[in-house]
Amino acid sequence: MKILYVTSEANPYAASGGLGDVLGALPITVAEDNPDAEVSVIMPLYDTMKEIYRKQLVKVKDISFKYSWRDSGASIFKIQNGKVTYYFVENHRYFERGKLYGEFDDAERFAFFSLAVVEYMIQTGNVPDILHANDWQTALTVVYLKTRFASMKELSGIRTVYTIHNIEYQGKFDSRILGDIFALDGYAGVLEYNGCINLMKGAITVSDFITTVSPNYAFELHHDFFAFGLADVIHNSAAKLKGVINGIDYNYFSPEKGGDIEYPYSKENVSEGKRKNKLAFQKEVGLPENADIPLVVMITRLATQKGIDLVAAIIEELLREDIQFVILGTGETEYENMFKALEASHPNLKALIKFDRVISKKMYASADIFVMPSKSEPCGLAQMIACSYGTVPVVRAVGGLFDSIKPYGSEGENGFTFDNYNAHELLFTVKRALDVYKDKDAWNSLVMKAKISDFSWGISAAKYMKIYNKLLEW
């Protein structure tokens, strides 16, 4: 079986969030667990790629093709990463921007990339059995295969899978650019929705199979609150939709291997390891060094979707508890300024307004409680990472948080959950966790249950392989 993952980002070559983590780990796990599979990934070659990886690039081929009314082209490079081949589409005009997204011409950039992927397959004969596209940026690879190129015999055997990582970002654009930018005159019925072009809607409609990143999120997408206007499209495609929860890379997020934390530890010495890391982290950020005080942390984007408005409503009351609170992240200016002001007036709070993977690992290793009160959360990785470090999550039971964290006192307990999007329900749940923290036997037992929770990619990779095999039986 030949599997090609199409993505706009993948660790370690370029990443801005969870999508990059998934495409850096899932293909490698699929390849390792299925020796007969030929696994590859294709993505843009951004100028943000680190030099250590740029030196590994090997040129494969120059391709040229017509992009709408333009004559265009790209150079294809590759890097071999274990059993996975990562291909990169180079075009200086589109991908030398100093960042991945947020450009005025993102529609054109990723339409070009998607068309380049299809043209690369045609011009090299390197055609997969399964093409697995991800989010709106690569939705057009599926759409092109099922529309413009549907009659091409050499591509007719490809089965397509499309994964919705976050339905909030759908790739909506003005309908007037259907021909000029997307080169899809005559296919308005596939892409148009609610008065505009919607790339995600198009991919959902024509893909052979659709996945999303947790079973509960797949259920939630049938409801308008979670589907951001696409509930009826999801409902009409329900027969080919399945939720497969993401995993985490235990090689990267590993207190056993250390990797950026002061004192590596395992499940055999988790209490002592966390105690030492807490003292070191407190010293580093300027908090009073006290291993016995509960350390509560958040690592998040400072946005309402992540439940920051709930935190804002109860933070003053929470800080009156005998705790330390540290938040790491950037986002909406209102919340950045709020946490900076709170830090100035509360010696038990530290606001680290930045994005820093090294510090995030230190926080996971040092903290006792990890707070994640999301309004919506397709899957979430942070709660899984917290568990791997023996840090007890407090989460809202939504999306993948519902699937991965089971409440204290229930079968499979590994954290605390609350149901309603309510600030004081969050506060009461954190206070309940603090009460359990005082019972060291109960707390240490819960920490161990969190620590041994299995969120390995092997489980998810096996579910994807089952989907791929079923598609090839058609």
Protein backbone atom coordinates (compact mmCIF):
# COMPACT_ATOMS: atom_id res chain seq x y z
CA MET A 1 0.00 0.00 0.00
CA LYS A 2 1.28 3.46 -0.95
CA ILE A 3 0.02 6.21 1.37
CA LEU A 4 0.58 9.92 0.73
CA TYR A 5 -0.23 12.43 3.46
CA VAL A 6 -0.80 15.96 2.14
CA THR A 7 -0.36 18.71 4.71
CA SER A 8 0.52 22.37 5.09
CA GLU A 9 2.85 21.61 8.02
CA ALA A 10 4.65 18.79 9.79
CA ASN A 11 7.17 18.61 12.60
CA PRO A 12 10.10 19.08 12.62
CA TYR A 13 10.21 20.87 9.25
CA ALA A 14 7.48 23.47 9.83
CA ALA A 15 4.78 23.63 12.46
CA SER A 16 2.48 26.16 14.05
CA GLY A 17 0.30 23.88 16.16
CA GLY A 18 -1.37 20.53 16.57
CA LEU A 19 -1.58 19.78 12.83
CA GLY A 20 2.21 19.85 12.62
CA ASP A 21 2.50 17.52 15.61
CA VAL A 22 0.05 15.04 14.06
CA LEU A 23 1.73 14.94 10.65
CA GLY A 24 5.12 14.65 12.29
CA ALA A 25 4.08 11.54 14.22
CA LEU A 26 1.22 9.67 12.52
CA PRO A 27 2.99 8.84 9.23
CA ILE A 28 6.08 7.60 11.06
CA THR A 29 3.99 5.35 13.31
CA VAL A 30 2.01 3.99 10.34
CA ALA A 31 5.27 3.19 8.54
CA GLU A 32 6.90 1.56 11.56
CA ASP A 33 3.85 -0.57 12.38
CA ASN A 34 3.20 -1.60 8.77
CA PRO A 35 6.47 -2.64 7.10
CA ASP A 36 4.74 -3.39 3.78
CA ALA A 37 3.34 0.14 3.51
CA GLU A 38 5.19 2.82 1.53
CA VAL A 39 4.50 6.03 3.45
CA SER A 40 5.26 9.58 2.32
CA VAL A 41 4.28 13.14 3.21
CA ILE A 42 4.18 16.17 0.93
CA MET A 43 4.14 19.78 2.13
CA PRO A 44 5.33 23.26 1.09
CA LEU A 45 9.01 24.11 1.43
CA TYR A 46 8.89 27.19 3.63
CA ASP A 47 11.82 29.53 4.14
CA THR A 48 11.33 29.02 7.89
CA MET A 49 12.84 25.51 7.67
CA LYS A 50 15.86 25.21 9.96
CA GLU A 51 19.24 24.94 8.29
CA ILE A 52 19.89 21.52 9.81
CA TYR A 53 17.01 20.14 7.73
CA ARG A 54 17.61 22.30 4.68
CA LYS A 55 21.04 20.67 4.32
CA GLN A 56 19.32 17.27 4.04
CA LEU A 57 17.18 18.25 1.04
CA VAL A 58 17.66 16.19 -2.11
CA LYS A 59 16.20 17.48 -5.36
CA VAL A 60 13.74 15.10 -7.02
CA LYS A 61 12.36 16.97 -10.02
CA ASP A 62 11.33 20.30 -11.51
CA ILE A 63 7.73 20.33 -12.65
CA SER A 64 5.85 22.83 -14.80
CA PHE A 65 2.13 23.17 -15.32
CA LYS A 66 -0.62 25.63 -16.15
CA TYR A 67 -2.26 27.18 -13.09
CA SER A 68 -5.50 28.75 -14.29
CA TRP A 69 -4.29 31.19 -16.97
CA ARG A 70 -0.70 31.20 -15.66
CA ASP A 71 2.27 29.11 -16.65
CA SER A 72 3.80 28.03 -13.39
CA GLY A 73 6.04 25.43 -11.82
CA ALA A 74 7.77 24.11 -8.74
CA SER A 75 10.80 22.16 -7.64
CA ILE A 76 10.28 19.00 -5.62
CA PHE A 77 12.74 18.02 -2.90
CA LYS A 78 12.77 15.18 -0.39
CA ILE A 79 14.18 14.16 2.98
CA GLN A 80 14.20 10.55 4.18
CA ASN A 81 13.06 10.40 7.81
CA GLY A 82 13.33 6.80 8.94
CA LYS A 83 10.85 4.82 6.86
CA VAL A 84 8.95 7.94 5.73
CA THR A 85 9.82 10.10 2.73
CA TYR A 86 8.97 13.77 3.21
CA TYR A 87 8.50 15.65 -0.08
CA PHE A 88 8.63 19.45 -0.29
CA VAL A 89 7.14 21.75 -2.93
CA GLU A 90 9.40 24.75 -3.51
CA ASN A 91 8.10 27.97 -5.00
CA HIS A 92 9.84 31.16 -3.94
CA ARG A 93 6.88 33.41 -4.71
CA TYR A 94 4.41 31.53 -2.49
CA PHE A 95 6.42 30.03 0.34
CA GLU A 96 9.15 32.52 1.19
CA ARG A 97 7.06 34.69 3.51
CA GLY A 98 8.74 34.19 6.89
CA LYS A 99 5.62 32.45 8.19
CA LEU A 100 3.21 29.69 7.23
CA TYR A 101 -0.20 31.39 7.15
CA GLY A 102 -1.93 34.72 7.45
CA GLU A 103 -1.04 36.14 4.03
CA PHE A 104 -3.43 38.11 1.82
CA ASP A 105 -3.10 35.49 -0.92
CA ASP A 106 -3.42 32.30 1.16
CA ALA A 107 -6.17 31.09 -1.21
CA GLU A 108 -3.79 31.29 -4.15
CA ARG A 109 -0.81 29.89 -2.23
CA PHE A 110 -2.54 26.71 -1.14
CA ALA A 111 -4.46 26.25 -4.38
CA PHE A 112 -1.08 26.31 -6.12
CA PHE A 113 0.32 23.81 -3.64
CA SER A 114 -2.65 21.45 -4.04
CA LEU A 115 -2.42 21.57 -7.82
CA ALA A 116 1.35 21.01 -7.63
CA VAL A 117 0.76 17.84 -5.61
CA VAL A 118 -1.54 16.45 -8.30
CA GLU A 119 0.81 17.50 -11.12
CA TYR A 120 3.75 15.91 -9.31
CA MET A 121 1.91 12.58 -9.24
CA ILE A 122 1.07 12.85 -12.93
CA GLN A 123 4.55 13.91 -14.08
CA THR A 124 6.49 11.38 -12.02
CA GLY A 125 4.09 8.44 -11.95
CA ASN A 126 4.51 8.34 -8.17
CA VAL A 127 0.81 7.73 -7.53
CA PRO A 128 -0.44 6.60 -4.12
CA ASP A 129 -3.20 4.14 -3.33
CA ILE A 130 -4.37 6.39 -0.48
CA LEU A 131 -4.18 10.18 -0.49
CA HIS A 132 -4.85 11.60 2.97
CA ALA A 133 -5.41 15.37 3.01
CA ASN A 134 -5.69 17.58 6.08
CA ASP A 135 -7.68 20.77 6.83
CA TRP A 136 -8.66 23.50 4.40
CA GLN A 137 -5.16 24.23 3.11
CA THR A 138 -4.99 20.87 1.31
CA ALA A 139 -8.71 20.33 0.67
CA LEU A 140 -8.24 21.14 -3.01
CA THR A 141 -6.01 18.11 -3.59
CA VAL A 142 -9.09 15.97 -3.05
CA VAL A 143 -11.34 18.32 -4.99
CA TYR A 144 -8.98 18.41 -8.00
CA LEU A 145 -8.76 14.60 -8.05
CA LYS A 146 -12.54 14.25 -7.99
CA THR A 147 -13.32 17.00 -10.53
CA ARG A 148 -10.73 18.28 -13.05
CA PHE A 149 -8.65 15.10 -13.00
CA ALA A 150 -11.40 12.55 -12.39
CA SER A 151 -11.16 11.13 -15.91
CA MET A 152 -7.40 10.52 -15.80
CA LYS A 153 -6.85 6.76 -15.82
CA GLU A 154 -3.52 6.94 -13.94
CA LEU A 155 -5.19 8.72 -11.01
CA SER A 156 -8.49 6.85 -10.97
CA GLY A 157 -7.35 4.24 -8.44
CA ILE A 158 -6.54 6.77 -5.70
CA ARG A 159 -8.79 6.56 -2.63
CA THR A 160 -9.08 9.80 -0.67
CA VAL A 161 -9.30 10.47 3.05
CA TYR A 162 -9.88 13.98 4.37
CA THR A 163 -9.30 14.88 8.02
CA ILE A 164 -10.97 17.82 9.74
CA HIS A 165 -8.60 18.96 12.46
CA ASN A 166 -10.58 22.11 13.32
CA ILE A 167 -13.80 22.91 11.50
CA GLU A 168 -13.66 26.55 12.58
CA TYR A 169 -11.12 27.22 9.81
CA GLN A 170 -12.81 26.23 6.55
CA GLY A 171 -11.07 28.16 3.77
CA LYS A 172 -13.83 30.58 2.82
CA PHE A 173 -13.27 32.88 -0.17
CA ASP A 174 -15.17 35.07 -2.62
CA SER A 175 -16.97 33.07 -5.31
CA ARG A 176 -15.61 35.35 -8.01
CA ILE A 177 -12.16 33.74 -7.78
CA LEU A 178 -13.41 30.22 -8.61
CA GLY A 179 -11.83 30.25 -12.06
CA ASP A 180 -9.04 32.78 -11.72
CA ILE A 181 -7.49 31.41 -8.51
CA PHE A 182 -8.78 27.85 -8.16
CA ALA A 183 -9.00 26.93 -11.86
CA LEU A 184 -12.31 25.19 -11.20
CA ASP A 185 -14.76 26.84 -13.59
CA GLY A 186 -17.76 24.59 -13.91
CA TYR A 187 -17.49 23.12 -10.42
CA ALA A 188 -19.23 25.80 -8.39
CA GLY A 189 -21.67 23.23 -7.05
CA VAL A 190 -18.87 21.37 -5.31
CA LEU A 191 -17.27 24.37 -3.64
CA GLU A 192 -19.90 27.04 -3.13
CA TYR A 193 -21.79 27.17 0.14
CA ASN A 194 -23.75 29.95 1.83
CA GLY A 195 -22.76 32.51 -0.77
CA CYS A 196 -19.02 31.85 -0.92
CA ILE A 197 -16.41 29.28 -1.83
CA ASN A 198 -15.82 26.88 1.05
CA LEU A 199 -12.86 24.57 0.45
CA MET A 200 -13.55 22.35 3.45
CA LYS A 201 -17.15 21.85 2.33
CA GLY A 202 -15.86 20.79 -1.08
CA ALA A 203 -13.46 18.21 0.35
CA ILE A 204 -16.08 16.82 2.75
CA THR A 205 -18.52 16.42 -0.14
CA VAL A 206 -16.25 14.58 -2.59
CA SER A 207 -13.83 12.62 -0.36
CA ASP A 208 -14.19 8.88 -0.18
CA PHE A 209 -13.88 9.00 3.60
CA ILE A 210 -13.75 11.72 6.26
CA THR A 211 -12.15 11.57 9.66
CA THR A 212 -11.91 13.98 12.50
CA VAL A 213 -9.66 13.96 15.50
CA SER A 214 -11.84 12.40 18.22
CA PRO A 215 -15.02 10.33 18.37
CA ASN A 216 -16.85 12.89 20.49
CA TYR A 217 -15.92 15.72 18.11
CA ALA A 218 -17.36 13.67 15.23
CA PHE A 219 -20.62 13.52 17.19
CA GLU A 220 -20.51 17.23 18.06
CA LEU A 221 -20.07 18.27 14.43
CA HIS A 222 -23.69 17.33 13.76
CA HIS A 223 -24.67 20.33 15.88
CA ASP A 224 -24.55 23.96 14.74
CA PHE A 225 -22.75 25.18 17.88
CA PHE A 226 -19.66 23.12 17.04
CA ALA A 227 -19.87 22.91 13.23
CA PHE A 228 -19.54 26.63 12.40
CA GLY A 229 -22.20 26.46 9.70
CA LEU A 230 -21.36 23.04 8.24
CA ALA A 231 -23.68 20.85 10.35
CA ASP A 232 -25.92 19.94 7.43
CA VAL A 233 -22.90 19.09 5.24
CA ILE A 234 -21.59 16.85 8.01
CA HIS A 235 -24.99 15.27 8.49
CA ASN A 236 -25.24 14.46 4.78
CA SER A 237 -21.81 12.83 4.91
CA ALA A 238 -22.32 10.97 8.19
CA ALA A 239 -22.03 7.51 6.60
CA LYS A 240 -18.39 8.16 5.67
CA LEU A 241 -17.35 10.06 8.85
CA LYS A 242 -15.38 8.57 11.73
CA GLY A 243 -13.63 10.11 14.73
CA VAL A 244 -10.11 8.83 15.43
CA ILE A 245 -8.46 10.43 18.44
CA ASN A 246 -4.94 11.75 18.01
CA GLY A 247 -1.99 10.47 19.97
CA ILE A 248 1.16 12.10 21.28
CA ASP A 249 4.81 11.47 20.54
CA TYR A 250 6.18 9.79 23.66
CA ASN A 251 9.72 10.18 22.35
CA TYR A 252 9.35 13.96 22.42
CA PHE A 253 7.07 14.37 25.45
CA SER A 254 8.97 12.10 27.78
CA PRO A 255 9.93 12.88 31.38
CA GLU A 256 11.90 9.63 31.28
CA LYS A 257 14.16 10.89 28.47
CA GLY A 258 14.36 14.39 29.89
CA GLY A 259 14.56 16.63 26.89
CA ASP A 260 14.59 20.20 28.27
CA ILE A 261 13.57 19.39 31.86
CA GLU A 262 15.98 19.66 34.78
CA TYR A 263 15.38 16.26 36.37
CA PRO A 264 14.19 13.29 34.27
CA TYR A 265 11.87 10.88 36.05
CA SER A 266 9.76 7.78 35.44
CA LYS A 267 6.62 6.31 36.97
CA GLU A 268 8.85 4.67 39.60
CA ASN A 269 9.94 8.05 41.00
CA VAL A 270 7.33 10.46 39.67
CA SER A 271 6.71 12.21 43.01
CA GLU A 272 10.36 12.93 43.65
CA GLY A 273 10.99 13.93 40.05
CA LYS A 274 8.13 16.39 39.99
CA ARG A 275 9.19 17.79 43.35
CA LYS A 276 12.71 18.55 42.08
CA ASN A 277 11.44 20.02 38.81
CA LYS A 278 8.93 22.20 40.66
CA LEU A 279 11.63 23.74 42.83
CA ALA A 280 13.85 24.37 39.81
CA PHE A 281 10.99 25.94 37.83
CA GLN A 282 9.87 28.12 40.73
CA LYS A 283 13.40 29.46 40.99
CA GLU A 284 13.60 30.06 37.24
CA VAL A 285 10.40 32.13 37.01
CA GLY A 286 10.76 33.90 40.35
CA LEU A 287 8.10 32.17 42.43
CA PRO A 288 8.69 31.29 46.10
CA GLU A 289 10.42 27.90 46.22
CA ASN A 290 7.99 25.58 47.94
CA ALA A 291 7.56 21.99 46.75
CA ASP A 292 4.41 21.48 48.84
CA ILE A 293 2.28 24.28 47.42
CA PRO A 294 0.00 23.21 44.53
CA LEU A 295 1.31 24.53 41.21
CA VAL A 296 -1.55 25.13 38.74
CA VAL A 297 -0.64 25.86 35.12
CA MET A 298 -2.14 26.65 31.74
CA ILE A 299 -0.36 26.35 28.39
CA THR A 300 -2.72 27.76 25.82
CA ARG A 301 -3.63 30.26 23.17
CA LEU A 302 -5.13 33.26 24.96
CA ALA A 303 -8.49 33.19 23.22
CA THR A 304 -12.11 32.74 24.19
CA GLN A 305 -12.29 29.42 22.34
CA LYS A 306 -9.78 28.10 24.88
CA GLY A 307 -11.94 29.17 27.83
CA ILE A 308 -9.82 32.15 28.85
CA ASP A 309 -12.96 34.17 29.49
CA LEU A 310 -13.94 31.63 32.15
CA VAL A 311 -10.52 31.91 33.76
CA ALA A 312 -10.75 35.71 33.67
CA ALA A 313 -14.07 35.57 35.55
CA ILE A 314 -12.73 33.49 38.47
CA ILE A 315 -8.98 34.13 38.57
CA GLU A 316 -9.11 36.61 41.47
CA GLU A 317 -11.05 34.15 43.61
CA LEU A 318 -8.80 31.26 42.60
CA LEU A 319 -5.66 33.20 43.52
CA ARG A 320 -6.97 33.57 47.07
CA GLU A 321 -6.35 29.84 47.45
CA ASP A 322 -2.96 28.66 48.71
CA ILE A 323 -1.64 27.98 45.22
CA GLN A 324 0.79 29.19 42.59
CA PHE A 325 -0.54 29.83 39.08
CA VAL A 326 1.53 30.08 35.88
CA ILE A 327 0.16 30.69 32.39
CA LEU A 328 2.14 30.40 29.15
CA GLY A 329 0.86 31.62 25.80
CA THR A 330 0.01 34.49 23.49
CA GLY A 331 -3.22 35.60 21.89
CA GLU A 332 -5.80 38.32 22.21
CA THR A 333 -4.37 41.59 23.52
CA GLU A 334 -7.13 41.93 26.09
CA TYR A 335 -6.09 38.72 27.81
CA GLU A 336 -2.36 39.31 27.48
CA ASN A 337 -2.75 42.65 29.24
CA MET A 338 -5.06 41.17 31.89
CA PHE A 339 -2.56 38.51 32.94
CA LYS A 340 0.33 40.98 32.94
CA ALA A 341 -1.69 43.23 35.27
CA LEU A 342 -2.56 40.30 37.52
CA GLU A 343 1.09 39.34 37.76
CA ALA A 344 1.93 42.84 38.99
CA SER A 345 -0.58 42.60 41.82
CA HIS A 346 -0.41 38.89 42.74
CA PRO A 347 2.92 37.40 43.80
CA ASN A 348 1.57 33.87 43.33
CA LEU A 349 0.91 34.34 39.59
CA LYS A 350 3.35 34.39 36.69
CA ALA A 351 2.26 35.34 33.18
CA LEU A 352 4.67 34.12 30.50
CA ILE A 353 3.29 35.87 27.42
CA LYS A 354 5.17 34.00 24.73
CA PHE A 355 5.34 30.70 22.86
CA ASP A 356 8.16 28.53 24.15
CA ARG A 357 8.25 24.73 23.80
CA VAL A 358 11.16 24.36 26.25
CA ILE A 359 9.36 26.24 29.01
CA SER A 360 6.16 24.33 28.28
CA LYS A 361 7.94 21.04 28.98
CA LYS A 362 9.30 22.42 32.25
CA MET A 363 5.77 23.43 33.20
CA TYR A 364 4.36 19.99 32.43
CA ALA A 365 7.11 18.39 34.52
CA SER A 366 6.73 20.81 37.45
CA ALA A 367 2.98 21.33 37.74
CA ASP A 368 0.48 19.47 39.85
CA ILE A 369 -2.68 20.57 38.02
CA PHE A 370 -3.16 21.45 34.34
CA VAL A 371 -6.22 23.56 33.48
CA MET A 372 -7.89 23.30 30.05
CA PRO A 373 -11.45 24.74 30.08
CA SER A 374 -12.05 24.91 26.32
CA LYS A 375 -15.31 26.08 24.78
CA SER A 376 -14.61 23.61 21.96
CA GLU A 377 -11.65 21.29 21.48
CA PRO A 378 -11.54 18.93 18.48
CA CYS A 379 -8.99 16.68 20.13
CA GLY A 380 -6.49 18.53 22.28
CA LEU A 381 -2.97 17.29 22.89
CA ALA A 382 -2.03 19.31 25.94
CA GLN A 383 -4.19 17.25 28.31
CA MET A 384 -2.51 14.07 27.04
CA ILE A 385 0.95 15.58 27.38
CA ALA A 386 0.10 16.66 30.94
CA CYS A 387 -0.82 13.07 31.77
CA SER A 388 2.45 11.76 30.36
CA TYR A 389 4.28 14.01 32.87
CA GLY A 390 2.04 12.95 35.77
CA THR A 391 0.25 16.29 35.87
CA VAL A 392 -3.46 15.98 36.63
CA PRO A 393 -5.72 17.68 34.04
CA VAL A 394 -8.81 19.71 34.88
CA VAL A 395 -10.79 19.94 31.64
CA ARG A 396 -14.20 20.72 30.26
CA ALA A 397 -15.76 17.50 28.96
CA VAL A 398 -15.95 18.57 25.32
CA GLY A 399 -14.54 17.14 22.07
CA GLY A 400 -11.41 15.09 22.57
CA LEU A 401 -11.16 16.19 26.19
CA PHE A 402 -14.26 14.09 26.88
CA ASP A 403 -12.69 11.09 25.14
CA SER A 404 -9.28 11.30 26.81
CA ILE A 405 -9.89 12.47 30.41
CA LYS A 406 -12.09 10.46 32.75
CA PRO A 407 -13.27 12.18 35.95
CA TYR A 408 -11.96 11.40 39.42
CA GLY A 409 -14.07 8.72 41.03
CA SER A 410 -15.04 7.03 37.76
CA GLU A 411 -13.67 3.99 35.97
CA GLY A 412 -10.45 4.92 34.20
CA GLU A 413 -10.04 8.12 36.25
CA ASN A 414 -7.08 10.29 35.23
CA GLY A 415 -8.22 13.85 35.95
CA PHE A 416 -11.17 16.12 36.73
CA THR A 417 -13.90 17.26 34.35
CA PHE A 418 -16.81 19.69 34.29
CA ASP A 419 -19.67 19.77 31.80
CA ASN A 420 -21.09 23.25 31.35
CA TYR A 421 -19.33 26.30 29.96
CA ASN A 422 -19.58 28.09 33.28
CA ALA A 423 -16.86 29.96 35.15
CA HIS A 424 -17.84 28.83 38.63
CA GLU A 425 -18.22 25.24 37.53
CA LEU A 426 -14.58 25.54 36.47
CA LEU A 427 -13.67 27.13 39.83
CA PHE A 428 -15.43 24.44 41.86
CA THR A 429 -13.72 21.70 39.85
CA VAL A 430 -10.26 23.20 40.42
CA LYS A 431 -11.08 23.55 44.13
CA ARG A 432 -12.15 19.90 44.21
CA ALA A 433 -8.78 18.96 42.71
CA LEU A 434 -7.06 21.07 45.38
CA ASP A 435 -9.01 19.24 48.08
CA VAL A 436 -7.88 15.87 46.74
CA TYR A 437 -4.31 17.21 46.55
CA LYS A 438 -4.35 17.49 50.36
CA ASP A 439 -4.92 13.72 50.61
CA LYS A 440 -1.47 12.57 49.49
CA ASP A 441 -2.39 8.91 49.07
CA ALA A 442 -5.42 9.72 46.91
CA TRP A 443 -3.48 12.32 44.96
CA ASN A 444 -0.46 10.11 44.29
CA SER A 445 -2.78 7.35 43.11
CA LEU A 446 -4.47 9.75 40.67
CA VAL A 447 -1.11 11.06 39.46
CA MET A 448 -0.04 7.50 38.67
CA LYS A 449 -3.26 6.78 36.79
CA ALA A 450 -2.70 9.92 34.70
CA LYS A 451 0.93 8.96 34.12
CA ILE A 452 0.14 5.51 32.75
CA SER A 453 -2.71 6.68 30.47
CA ASP A 454 -1.94 5.37 26.99
CA PHE A 455 -2.20 8.01 24.28
CA SER A 456 0.36 6.42 21.95
CA TRP A 457 0.04 6.90 18.21
CA GLY A 458 0.04 3.14 17.62
CA ILE A 459 -3.61 2.87 18.65
CA SER A 460 -4.69 5.64 16.27
CA ALA A 461 -2.43 4.44 13.44
CA ALA A 462 -4.06 1.01 13.56
CA LYS A 463 -7.50 2.61 13.22
CA TYR A 464 -6.34 4.62 10.20
CA MET A 465 -4.87 1.50 8.57
CA LYS A 466 -8.23 -0.22 9.02
CA ILE A 467 -9.88 2.69 7.17
CA TYR A 468 -7.27 2.59 4.37
CA ASN A 469 -7.65 -1.16 3.89
CA LYS A 470 -11.43 -0.90 3.77
CA LEU A 471 -11.22 1.82 1.10
CA LEU A 472 -8.97 -0.31 -1.07
CA GLU A 473 -11.54 -3.11 -0.99
CA TRP A 474 -14.00 -0.92 -2.89
